[in-house]
Amino acid sequence: MPEQLAADFRKFYVDTAILGNPKALALTLDYFGLDKVLFGTDTPLGIAPAGASQVIEAALRSLALRPEEEAAIFAGNIQKLLLKEEGHD
């Protein structure tokens, strides 16, 4: 992929809805950066009956992230994004 296209692609926000695959989550964090990763589960899809929340949370915790990094993924990043969208930079 041309570098400019890759740089533009890295501007995307992504979520954790990959059914608890720790390696894929680590690669996601490495490629997009911590500030672009949002907690997501694709609930109610994926794992019946209630979705994949617990599996994804366990996979994230297995990465041994710092508490502030976990907090960013679980809530902080979406809060910042929503405030940015509302014009509260």
Protein backbone atom coordinates (compact mmCIF):
# COMPACT_ATOMS: atom_id res chain seq x y z
CA MET A 1 0.00 0.00 0.00
CA PRO A 2 1.44 3.43 -0.84
CA GLU A 3 2.63 5.24 2.30
CA GLN A 4 0.19 8.15 1.89
CA LEU A 5 -2.73 5.72 1.63
CA ALA A 6 -1.47 3.82 4.69
CA ALA A 7 -1.14 7.09 6.61
CA ASP A 8 -4.71 8.03 5.69
CA PHE A 9 -5.96 4.55 6.66
CA ARG A 10 -4.37 4.92 10.12
CA LYS A 11 -6.68 7.90 10.75
CA PHE A 12 -9.65 5.54 11.06
CA TYR A 13 -11.11 4.68 14.45
CA VAL A 14 -11.48 0.94 14.99
CA ASP A 15 -13.08 -1.23 17.63
CA THR A 16 -12.21 -4.38 19.53
CA ALA A 17 -15.01 -6.51 18.07
CA ILE A 18 -12.77 -9.32 16.83
CA LEU A 19 -14.10 -11.97 19.23
CA GLY A 20 -11.35 -11.87 21.78
CA ASN A 21 -8.27 -12.57 19.67
CA PRO A 22 -5.39 -11.11 21.72
CA LYS A 23 -2.89 -11.22 18.83
CA ALA A 24 -5.29 -9.36 16.54
CA LEU A 25 -5.92 -6.79 19.28
CA ALA A 26 -2.17 -6.28 19.77
CA LEU A 27 -1.71 -5.81 16.01
CA THR A 28 -4.65 -3.38 15.94
CA LEU A 29 -3.11 -1.30 18.72
CA ASP A 30 0.26 -1.35 17.01
CA TYR A 31 -1.10 -0.32 13.60
CA PHE A 32 -3.77 2.24 14.52
CA GLY A 33 -2.40 3.45 17.86
CA LEU A 34 -4.00 3.37 21.28
CA ASP A 35 -5.95 6.60 20.73
CA LYS A 36 -7.84 5.16 17.73
CA VAL A 37 -9.10 1.95 19.39
CA LEU A 38 -12.60 1.90 20.92
CA PHE A 39 -14.20 -0.88 22.95
CA GLY A 40 -16.80 -2.63 20.81
CA THR A 41 -18.40 -6.07 20.82
CA ASP A 42 -20.83 -6.43 17.88
CA THR A 43 -23.44 -7.44 20.45
CA PRO A 44 -25.71 -9.35 20.03
CA LEU A 45 -23.75 -10.97 17.18
CA GLY A 46 -20.76 -13.23 17.58
CA ILE A 47 -21.29 -15.20 20.77
CA ALA A 48 -24.79 -16.20 21.85
CA PRO A 49 -26.74 -15.22 23.81
CA ALA A 50 -25.26 -11.90 24.96
CA GLY A 51 -22.39 -11.15 22.58
CA ALA A 52 -18.67 -11.13 23.17
CA SER A 53 -18.18 -8.49 25.88
CA GLN A 54 -16.58 -10.81 28.43
CA VAL A 55 -14.34 -12.53 25.87
CA ILE A 56 -13.10 -9.23 24.44
CA GLU A 57 -12.53 -7.77 27.90
CA ALA A 58 -10.46 -10.84 28.88
CA ALA A 59 -8.43 -10.58 25.67
CA LEU A 60 -7.70 -6.91 26.31
CA ARG A 61 -6.67 -7.61 29.89
CA SER A 62 -4.33 -10.39 28.66
CA LEU A 63 -2.30 -7.75 26.81
CA ALA A 64 -1.02 -6.38 30.13
CA LEU A 65 -1.83 -2.79 29.20
CA ARG A 66 -1.30 -0.06 31.76
CA PRO A 67 -4.48 0.94 33.65
CA GLU A 68 -4.67 4.27 31.79
CA GLU A 69 -4.39 2.45 28.44
CA GLU A 70 -7.24 0.10 29.36
CA ALA A 71 -9.30 3.06 30.53
CA ALA A 72 -8.71 4.80 27.19
CA ILE A 73 -9.94 1.78 25.22
CA PHE A 74 -12.92 1.05 27.47
CA ALA A 75 -14.21 4.63 27.70
CA GLY A 76 -11.71 7.47 27.34
CA ASN A 77 -11.20 7.33 23.58
CA ILE A 78 -14.91 7.44 22.76
CA GLN A 79 -15.43 10.25 25.26
CA LYS A 80 -12.67 12.29 23.61
CA LEU A 81 -14.08 11.56 20.16
CA LEU A 82 -17.59 12.61 21.15
CA LEU A 83 -16.35 15.80 22.79
CA LYS A 84 -14.30 16.57 19.68
CA GLU A 85 -17.38 16.08 17.50
CA GLU A 86 -19.33 18.44 19.74
CA GLY A 87 -16.61 21.07 19.38
CA HIS A 88 -15.17 20.77 22.89
CA ASP A 89 -11.53 20.23 21.87
